[in-house]
Amino acid sequence: MRTTIDLDDALLQRLRDTAHREGVPFKALLHRVILRGLDEAPSVAPTHYEPRSYSMGPIREGYDLVKARWIVDDLEDEEIIRKMNEGR
């Protein structure tokens, strides 16, 4: 199968030099290099992400954290509307 790829000039020259030095056709070298890269590619196992948490101190009595979240949401909405009105 025929396909077209864009190679960086330095990479192309390196491949050509290697093919010349080894006395193999450019196409054969490129094929070998691609297969080797695919065969040696490390399998990436999914990792568990554990975010850092920080203590923000004790919750003071009389403060409603749900209401604080609503206030933050409202402020964020206002900021979005402001930016939309500015055309950003």
PDB file of N, CA and C in Angstrom:
ATOM      1  N   MET A   1       0.844  -1.181   0.000  1.00  0.00           N
ATOM      2  CA  MET A   1       0.000   0.000   0.000  1.00  0.00           C
ATOM      3  C   MET A   1       0.887   1.240   0.000  1.00  0.00           C
ATOM      4  N   ARG A   2       0.461   2.241  -0.676  1.00  0.00           N
ATOM      5  CA  ARG A   2       1.214   3.476  -0.799  1.00  0.00           C
ATOM      6  C   ARG A   2       0.553   4.530   0.083  1.00  0.00           C
ATOM      7  N   THR A   3       1.386   5.297   0.793  1.00  0.00           N
ATOM      8  CA  THR A   3       0.869   6.395   1.614  1.00  0.00           C
ATOM      9  C   THR A   3       1.887   7.515   1.636  1.00  0.00           C
ATOM     10  N   THR A   4       1.464   8.666   2.021  1.00  0.00           N
ATOM     11  CA  THR A   4       2.354   9.827   2.097  1.00  0.00           C
ATOM     12  C   THR A   4       2.455  10.263   3.544  1.00  0.00           C
ATOM     13  N   ILE A   5       3.680  10.504   4.006  1.00  0.00           N
ATOM     14  CA  ILE A   5       3.900  11.018   5.355  1.00  0.00           C
ATOM     15  C   ILE A   5       4.859  12.192   5.280  1.00  0.00           C
ATOM     16  N   ASP A   6       4.767  13.076   6.246  1.00  0.00           N
ATOM     17  CA  ASP A   6       5.695  14.204   6.347  1.00  0.00           C
ATOM     18  C   ASP A   6       6.728  13.878   7.412  1.00  0.00           C
ATOM     19  N   LEU A   7       7.986  13.916   7.029  1.00  0.00           N
ATOM     20  CA  LEU A   7       9.078  13.665   7.963  1.00  0.00           C
ATOM     21  C   LEU A   7       9.881  14.946   8.143  1.00  0.00           C
ATOM     22  N   ASP A   8      10.318  15.179   9.343  1.00  0.00           N
ATOM     23  CA  ASP A   8      11.216  16.282   9.629  1.00  0.00           C
ATOM     24  C   ASP A   8      12.488  16.080   8.806  1.00  0.00           C
ATOM     25  N   ASP A   9      13.062  17.166   8.319  1.00  0.00           N
ATOM     26  CA  ASP A   9      14.257  17.069   7.473  1.00  0.00           C
ATOM     27  C   ASP A   9      15.393  16.321   8.155  1.00  0.00           C
ATOM     28  N   ALA A  10      15.592  16.580   9.439  1.00  0.00           N
ATOM     29  CA  ALA A  10      16.682  15.920  10.166  1.00  0.00           C
ATOM     30  C   ALA A  10      16.423  14.419  10.281  1.00  0.00           C
ATOM     31  N   LEU A  11      15.164  14.041  10.529  1.00  0.00           N
ATOM     32  CA  LEU A  11      14.826  12.624  10.628  1.00  0.00           C
ATOM     33  C   LEU A  11      14.995  11.938   9.275  1.00  0.00           C
ATOM     34  N   LEU A  12      14.545  12.584   8.217  1.00  0.00           N
ATOM     35  CA  LEU A  12      14.687  12.022   6.877  1.00  0.00           C
ATOM     36  C   LEU A  12      16.153  11.781   6.547  1.00  0.00           C
ATOM     37  N   GLN A  13      16.991  12.753   6.844  1.00  0.00           N
ATOM     38  CA  GLN A  13      18.419  12.606   6.559  1.00  0.00           C
ATOM     39  C   GLN A  13      19.027  11.475   7.381  1.00  0.00           C
ATOM     40  N   ARG A  14      18.604  11.379   8.627  1.00  0.00           N
ATOM     41  CA  ARG A  14      19.123  10.306   9.501  1.00  0.00           C
ATOM     42  C   ARG A  14      18.717   8.927   8.960  1.00  0.00           C
ATOM     43  N   LEU A  15      17.468   8.805   8.505  1.00  0.00           N
ATOM     44  CA  LEU A  15      17.018   7.538   7.932  1.00  0.00           C
ATOM     45  C   LEU A  15      17.791   7.211   6.656  1.00  0.00           C
ATOM     46  N   ARG A  16      17.979   8.207   5.807  1.00  0.00           N
ATOM     47  CA  ARG A  16      18.724   7.983   4.568  1.00  0.00           C
ATOM     48  C   ARG A  16      20.168   7.570   4.853  1.00  0.00           C
ATOM     49  N   ASP A  17      20.796   8.248   5.804  1.00  0.00           N
ATOM     50  CA  ASP A  17      22.181   7.918   6.160  1.00  0.00           C
ATOM     51  C   ASP A  17      22.282   6.496   6.691  1.00  0.00           C
ATOM     52  N   THR A  18      21.344   6.116   7.540  1.00  0.00           N
ATOM     53  CA  THR A  18      21.357   4.767   8.109  1.00  0.00           C
ATOM     54  C   THR A  18      21.142   3.719   7.024  1.00  0.00           C
ATOM     55  N   ALA A  19      20.197   3.965   6.122  1.00  0.00           N
ATOM     56  CA  ALA A  19      19.944   3.025   5.030  1.00  0.00           C
ATOM     57  C   ALA A  19      21.194   2.879   4.160  1.00  0.00           C
ATOM     58  N   HIS A  20      21.851   3.983   3.869  1.00  0.00           N
ATOM     59  CA  HIS A  20      23.066   3.945   3.062  1.00  0.00           C
ATOM     60  C   HIS A  20      24.179   3.177   3.779  1.00  0.00           C
ATOM     61  N   ARG A  21      24.360   3.475   5.063  1.00  0.00           N
ATOM     62  CA  ARG A  21      25.408   2.829   5.853  1.00  0.00           C
ATOM     63  C   ARG A  21      25.182   1.319   5.959  1.00  0.00           C
ATOM     64  N   GLU A  22      23.915   0.905   6.105  1.00  0.00           N
ATOM     65  CA  GLU A  22      23.601  -0.520   6.238  1.00  0.00           C
ATOM     66  C   GLU A  22      23.439  -1.209   4.889  1.00  0.00           C
ATOM     67  N   GLY A  23      23.394  -0.422   3.823  1.00  0.00           N
ATOM     68  CA  GLY A  23      23.269  -1.000   2.491  1.00  0.00           C
ATOM     69  C   GLY A  23      21.898  -1.613   2.225  1.00  0.00           C
ATOM     70  N   VAL A  24      20.867  -1.011   2.799  1.00  0.00           N
ATOM     71  CA  VAL A  24      19.498  -1.510   2.589  1.00  0.00           C
ATOM     72  C   VAL A  24      18.673  -0.407   1.935  1.00  0.00           C
ATOM     73  N   PRO A  25      17.621  -0.799   1.220  1.00  0.00           N
ATOM     74  CA  PRO A  25      16.758   0.229   0.637  1.00  0.00           C
ATOM     75  C   PRO A  25      16.086   1.072   1.721  1.00  0.00           C
ATOM     76  N   PHE A  26      15.851   2.339   1.397  1.00  0.00           N
ATOM     77  CA  PHE A  26      15.209   3.258   2.342  1.00  0.00           C
ATOM     78  C   PHE A  26      13.874   2.700   2.825  1.00  0.00           C
ATOM     79  N   LYS A  27      13.075   2.166   1.894  1.00  0.00           N
ATOM     80  CA  LYS A  27      11.759   1.631   2.225  1.00  0.00           C
ATOM     81  C   LYS A  27      11.860   0.483   3.243  1.00  0.00           C
ATOM     82  N   ALA A  28      12.842  -0.391   3.053  1.00  0.00           N
ATOM     83  CA  ALA A  28      13.016  -1.528   3.965  1.00  0.00           C
ATOM     84  C   ALA A  28      13.425  -1.036   5.360  1.00  0.00           C
ATOM     85  N   LEU A  29      14.311  -0.053   5.404  1.00  0.00           N
ATOM     86  CA  LEU A  29      14.730   0.491   6.696  1.00  0.00           C
ATOM     87  C   LEU A  29      13.557   1.152   7.414  1.00  0.00           C
ATOM     88  N   LEU A  30      12.795   1.956   6.686  1.00  0.00           N
ATOM     89  CA  LEU A  30      11.648   2.639   7.283  1.00  0.00           C
ATOM     90  C   LEU A  30      10.649   1.624   7.830  1.00  0.00           C
ATOM     91  N   HIS A  31      10.388   0.580   7.068  1.00  0.00           N
ATOM     92  CA  HIS A  31       9.475  -0.484   7.489  1.00  0.00           C
ATOM     93  C   HIS A  31       9.981  -1.125   8.789  1.00  0.00           C
ATOM     94  N   ARG A  32      11.273  -1.447   8.837  1.00  0.00           N
ATOM     95  CA  ARG A  32      11.860  -2.083  10.017  1.00  0.00           C
ATOM     96  C   ARG A  32      11.786  -1.175  11.246  1.00  0.00           C
ATOM     97  N   VAL A  33      12.092   0.107  11.049  1.00  0.00           N
ATOM     98  CA  VAL A  33      12.078   1.058  12.154  1.00  0.00           C
ATOM     99  C   VAL A  33      10.670   1.223  12.718  1.00  0.00           C
ATOM    100  N   ILE A  34       9.686   1.315  11.848  1.00  0.00           N
ATOM    101  CA  ILE A  34       8.298   1.472  12.303  1.00  0.00           C
ATOM    102  C   ILE A  34       7.848   0.226  13.058  1.00  0.00           C
ATOM    103  N   LEU A  35       8.135  -0.957  12.517  1.00  0.00           N
ATOM    104  CA  LEU A  35       7.745  -2.200  13.209  1.00  0.00           C
ATOM    105  C   LEU A  35       8.426  -2.317  14.573  1.00  0.00           C
ATOM    106  N   ARG A  36       9.706  -1.986  14.618  1.00  0.00           N
ATOM    107  CA  ARG A  36      10.423  -2.068  15.890  1.00  0.00           C
ATOM    108  C   ARG A  36       9.802  -1.110  16.912  1.00  0.00           C
ATOM    109  N   GLY A  37       9.456   0.083  16.469  1.00  0.00           N
ATOM    110  CA  GLY A  37       8.829   1.049  17.367  1.00  0.00           C
ATOM    111  C   GLY A  37       7.493   0.561  17.883  1.00  0.00           C
ATOM    112  N   LEU A  38       6.714  -0.079  17.027  1.00  0.00           N
ATOM    113  CA  LEU A  38       5.423  -0.610  17.461  1.00  0.00           C
ATOM    114  C   LEU A  38       5.593  -1.789  18.404  1.00  0.00           C
ATOM    115  N   ASP A  39       6.571  -2.654  18.113  1.00  0.00           N
ATOM    116  CA  ASP A  39       6.789  -3.826  18.960  1.00  0.00           C
ATOM    117  C   ASP A  39       7.331  -3.459  20.330  1.00  0.00           C
ATOM    118  N   GLU A  40       8.146  -2.420  20.382  1.00  0.00           N
ATOM    119  CA  GLU A  40       8.770  -2.033  21.643  1.00  0.00           C
ATOM    120  C   GLU A  40       7.992  -0.977  22.407  1.00  0.00           C
ATOM    121  N   ALA A  41       6.883  -0.540  21.841  1.00  0.00           N
ATOM    122  CA  ALA A  41       6.092   0.487  22.517  1.00  0.00           C
ATOM    123  C   ALA A  41       5.588  -0.071  23.849  1.00  0.00           C
ATOM    124  N   PRO A  42       5.862   0.638  24.919  1.00  0.00           N
ATOM    125  CA  PRO A  42       5.415   0.145  26.224  1.00  0.00           C
ATOM    126  C   PRO A  42       3.893   0.191  26.315  1.00  0.00           C
ATOM    127  N   SER A  43       3.350  -0.854  26.879  1.00  0.00           N
ATOM    128  CA  SER A  43       1.902  -0.832  27.091  1.00  0.00           C
ATOM    129  C   SER A  43       1.625   0.027  28.308  1.00  0.00           C
ATOM    130  N   VAL A  44       0.744   0.933  28.136  1.00  0.00           N
ATOM    131  CA  VAL A  44       0.448   1.887  29.204  1.00  0.00           C
ATOM    132  C   VAL A  44      -0.726   1.346  30.014  1.00  0.00           C
ATOM    133  N   ALA A  45      -0.424   0.950  31.227  1.00  0.00           N
ATOM    134  CA  ALA A  45      -1.479   0.467  32.107  1.00  0.00           C
ATOM    135  C   ALA A  45      -2.158   1.666  32.750  1.00  0.00           C
ATOM    136  N   PRO A  46      -3.468   1.613  32.868  1.00  0.00           N
ATOM    137  CA  PRO A  46      -4.147   2.730  33.517  1.00  0.00           C
ATOM    138  C   PRO A  46      -3.662   2.869  34.956  1.00  0.00           C
ATOM    139  N   THR A  47      -3.392   4.083  35.318  1.00  0.00           N
ATOM    140  CA  THR A  47      -2.921   4.330  36.677  1.00  0.00           C
ATOM    141  C   THR A  47      -4.016   5.005  37.476  1.00  0.00           C
ATOM    142  N   HIS A  48      -3.978   4.744  38.734  1.00  0.00           N
ATOM    143  CA  HIS A  48      -4.960   5.349  39.630  1.00  0.00           C
ATOM    144  C   HIS A  48      -4.454   6.727  40.028  1.00  0.00           C
ATOM    145  N   TYR A  49      -5.272   7.724  39.806  1.00  0.00           N
ATOM    146  CA  TYR A  49      -4.894   9.093  40.152  1.00  0.00           C
ATOM    147  C   TYR A  49      -5.467   9.420  41.519  1.00  0.00           C
ATOM    148  N   GLU A  50      -4.610   9.841  42.403  1.00  0.00           N
ATOM    149  CA  GLU A  50      -5.037  10.221  43.743  1.00  0.00           C
ATOM    150  C   GLU A  50      -4.720  11.699  43.948  1.00  0.00           C
ATOM    151  N   PRO A  51      -5.737  12.560  43.897  1.00  0.00           N
ATOM    152  CA  PRO A  51      -5.475  13.989  44.067  1.00  0.00           C
ATOM    153  C   PRO A  51      -5.034  14.300  45.492  1.00  0.00           C
ATOM    154  N   ARG A  52      -4.224  15.317  45.615  1.00  0.00           N
ATOM    155  CA  ARG A  52      -3.802  15.745  46.948  1.00  0.00           C
ATOM    156  C   ARG A  52      -4.952  16.464  47.629  1.00  0.00           C
ATOM    157  N   SER A  53      -5.033  16.281  48.900  1.00  0.00           N
ATOM    158  CA  SER A  53      -6.053  17.013  49.650  1.00  0.00           C
ATOM    159  C   SER A  53      -5.355  17.822  50.737  1.00  0.00           C
ATOM    160  N   TYR A  54      -5.951  18.920  51.068  1.00  0.00           N
ATOM    161  CA  TYR A  54      -5.373  19.813  52.061  1.00  0.00           C
ATOM    162  C   TYR A  54      -6.437  20.158  53.093  1.00  0.00           C
ATOM    163  N   SER A  55      -6.018  20.231  54.316  1.00  0.00           N
ATOM    164  CA  SER A  55      -6.934  20.625  55.377  1.00  0.00           C
ATOM    165  C   SER A  55      -7.172  22.128  55.288  1.00  0.00           C
ATOM    166  N   MET A  56      -8.430  22.503  55.339  1.00  0.00           N
ATOM    167  CA  MET A  56      -8.772  23.922  55.312  1.00  0.00           C
ATOM    168  C   MET A  56      -9.279  24.363  56.683  1.00  0.00           C
ATOM    169  N   GLY A  57      -8.994  23.544  57.653  1.00  0.00           N
ATOM    170  CA  GLY A  57      -9.408  23.872  59.014  1.00  0.00           C
ATOM    171  C   GLY A  57     -10.810  23.354  59.299  1.00  0.00           C
ATOM    172  N   PRO A  58     -11.203  23.472  60.534  1.00  0.00           N
ATOM    173  CA  PRO A  58     -12.525  22.974  60.912  1.00  0.00           C
ATOM    174  C   PRO A  58     -13.637  23.863  60.352  1.00  0.00           C
ATOM    175  N   ILE A  59     -14.795  23.268  60.144  1.00  0.00           N
ATOM    176  CA  ILE A  59     -15.967  24.018  59.674  1.00  0.00           C
ATOM    177  C   ILE A  59     -16.560  24.741  60.871  1.00  0.00           C
ATOM    178  N   ARG A  60     -16.764  26.022  60.682  1.00  0.00           N
ATOM    179  CA  ARG A  60     -17.331  26.813  61.780  1.00  0.00           C
ATOM    180  C   ARG A  60     -18.831  26.604  61.851  1.00  0.00           C
ATOM    181  N   GLU A  61     -19.326  26.574  63.037  1.00  0.00           N
ATOM    182  CA  GLU A  61     -20.768  26.408  63.215  1.00  0.00           C
ATOM    183  C   GLU A  61     -21.491  27.617  62.658  1.00  0.00           C
ATOM    184  N   GLY A  62     -22.630  27.366  62.044  1.00  0.00           N
ATOM    185  CA  GLY A  62     -23.430  28.444  61.498  1.00  0.00           C
ATOM    186  C   GLY A  62     -23.155  28.723  60.031  1.00  0.00           C
ATOM    187  N   TYR A  63     -22.121  28.087  59.465  1.00  0.00           N
ATOM    188  CA  TYR A  63     -21.811  28.270  58.041  1.00  0.00           C
ATOM    189  C   TYR A  63     -22.384  27.108  57.246  1.00  0.00           C
ATOM    190  N   ASP A  64     -23.135  27.432  56.227  1.00  0.00           N
ATOM    191  CA  ASP A  64     -23.745  26.425  55.377  1.00  0.00           C
ATOM    192  C   ASP A  64     -22.884  26.272  54.127  1.00  0.00           C
ATOM    193  N   LEU A  65     -22.161  25.145  54.023  1.00  0.00           N
ATOM    194  CA  LEU A  65     -21.249  24.947  52.897  1.00  0.00           C
ATOM    195  C   LEU A  65     -22.000  24.774  51.579  1.00  0.00           C
ATOM    196  N   VAL A  66     -23.231  24.253  51.636  1.00  0.00           N
ATOM    197  CA  VAL A  66     -24.025  24.119  50.412  1.00  0.00           C
ATOM    198  C   VAL A  66     -24.343  25.496  49.866  1.00  0.00           C
ATOM    199  N   LYS A  67     -24.698  26.399  50.748  1.00  0.00           N
ATOM    200  CA  LYS A  67     -25.013  27.752  50.308  1.00  0.00           C
ATOM    201  C   LYS A  67     -23.760  28.427  49.738  1.00  0.00           C
ATOM    202  N   ALA A  68     -22.597  28.147  50.323  1.00  0.00           N
ATOM    203  CA  ALA A  68     -21.353  28.718  49.812  1.00  0.00           C
ATOM    204  C   ALA A  68     -21.108  28.237  48.382  1.00  0.00           C
ATOM    205  N   ARG A  69     -21.412  26.983  48.102  1.00  0.00           N
ATOM    206  CA  ARG A  69     -21.236  26.452  46.755  1.00  0.00           C
ATOM    207  C   ARG A  69     -22.185  27.141  45.780  1.00  0.00           C
ATOM    208  N   TRP A  70     -23.414  27.422  46.234  1.00  0.00           N
ATOM    209  CA  TRP A  70     -24.369  28.130  45.377  1.00  0.00           C
ATOM    210  C   TRP A  70     -23.865  29.535  45.044  1.00  0.00           C
ATOM    211  N   ILE A  71     -23.272  30.186  46.042  1.00  0.00           N
ATOM    212  CA  ILE A  71     -22.741  31.532  45.818  1.00  0.00           C
ATOM    213  C   ILE A  71     -21.619  31.483  44.777  1.00  0.00           C
ATOM    214  N   VAL A  72     -20.733  30.492  44.913  1.00  0.00           N
ATOM    215  CA  VAL A  72     -19.634  30.337  43.961  1.00  0.00           C
ATOM    216  C   VAL A  72     -20.188  30.088  42.561  1.00  0.00           C
ATOM    217  N   ASP A  73     -21.203  29.234  42.451  1.00  0.00           N
ATOM    218  CA  ASP A  73     -21.818  28.971  41.144  1.00  0.00           C
ATOM    219  C   ASP A  73     -22.395  30.249  40.537  1.00  0.00           C
ATOM    220  N   ASP A  74     -23.071  31.039  41.353  1.00  0.00           N
ATOM    221  CA  ASP A  74     -23.648  32.296  40.861  1.00  0.00           C
ATOM    222  C   ASP A  74     -22.571  33.257  40.390  1.00  0.00           C
ATOM    223  N   LEU A  75     -21.481  33.354  41.145  1.00  0.00           N
ATOM    224  CA  LEU A  75     -20.376  34.238  40.752  1.00  0.00           C
ATOM    225  C   LEU A  75     -19.743  33.778  39.439  1.00  0.00           C
ATOM    226  N   GLU A  76     -19.612  32.473  39.298  1.00  0.00           N
ATOM    227  CA  GLU A  76     -19.049  31.931  38.065  1.00  0.00           C
ATOM    228  C   GLU A  76     -19.971  32.233  36.882  1.00  0.00           C
ATOM    229  N   ASP A  77     -21.274  32.060  37.071  1.00  0.00           N
ATOM    230  CA  ASP A  77     -22.234  32.377  36.006  1.00  0.00           C
ATOM    231  C   ASP A  77     -22.152  33.844  35.610  1.00  0.00           C
ATOM    232  N   GLU A  78     -22.052  34.723  36.599  1.00  0.00           N
ATOM    233  CA  GLU A  78     -21.940  36.155  36.309  1.00  0.00           C
ATOM    234  C   GLU A  78     -20.688  36.460  35.498  1.00  0.00           C
ATOM    235  N   GLU A  79     -19.586  35.785  35.825  1.00  0.00           N
ATOM    236  CA  GLU A  79     -18.330  36.003  35.099  1.00  0.00           C
ATOM    237  C   GLU A  79     -18.460  35.526  33.654  1.00  0.00           C
ATOM    238  N   ILE A  80     -19.092  34.395  33.450  1.00  0.00           N
ATOM    239  CA  ILE A  80     -19.297  33.880  32.094  1.00  0.00           C
ATOM    240  C   ILE A  80     -20.140  34.839  31.278  1.00  0.00           C
ATOM    241  N   ILE A  81     -21.205  35.338  31.867  1.00  0.00           N
ATOM    242  CA  ILE A  81     -22.091  36.291  31.183  1.00  0.00           C
ATOM    243  C   ILE A  81     -21.334  37.581  30.848  1.00  0.00           C
ATOM    244  N   ARG A  82     -20.508  38.045  31.792  1.00  0.00           N
ATOM    245  CA  ARG A  82     -19.701  39.254  31.552  1.00  0.00           C
ATOM    246  C   ARG A  82     -18.775  39.056  30.363  1.00  0.00           C
ATOM    247  N   LYS A  83     -18.098  37.903  30.307  1.00  0.00           N
ATOM    248  CA  LYS A  83     -17.175  37.633  29.207  1.00  0.00           C
ATOM    249  C   LYS A  83     -17.920  37.495  27.876  1.00  0.00           C
ATOM    250  N   MET A  84     -19.104  36.889  27.906  1.00  0.00           N
ATOM    251  CA  MET A  84     -19.896  36.760  26.688  1.00  0.00           C
ATOM    252  C   MET A  84     -20.320  38.131  26.172  1.00  0.00           C
ATOM    253  N   ASN A  85     -20.669  39.015  27.085  1.00  0.00           N
ATOM    254  CA  ASN A  85     -21.074  40.367  26.698  1.00  0.00           C
ATOM    255  C   ASN A  85     -19.904  41.165  26.110  1.00  0.00           C
ATOM    256  N   GLU A  86     -18.690  40.835  26.547  1.00  0.00           N
ATOM    257  CA  GLU A  86     -17.491  41.493  26.022  1.00  0.00           C
ATOM    258  C   GLU A  86     -17.058  40.865  24.693  1.00  0.00           C
ATOM    259  N   GLY A  87     -17.667  39.741  24.344  1.00  0.00           N
ATOM    260  CA  GLY A  87     -17.319  39.088  23.086  1.00  0.00           C
ATOM    261  C   GLY A  87     -16.149  38.138  23.207  1.00  0.00           C
ATOM    262  N   ARG A  88     -15.812  37.707  24.398  1.00  0.00           N
ATOM    263  CA  ARG A  88     -14.697  36.766  24.570  1.00  0.00           C
ATOM    264  C   ARG A  88     -15.176  35.368  24.715  1.00  0.00           C
TER     265      ARG A  88
END
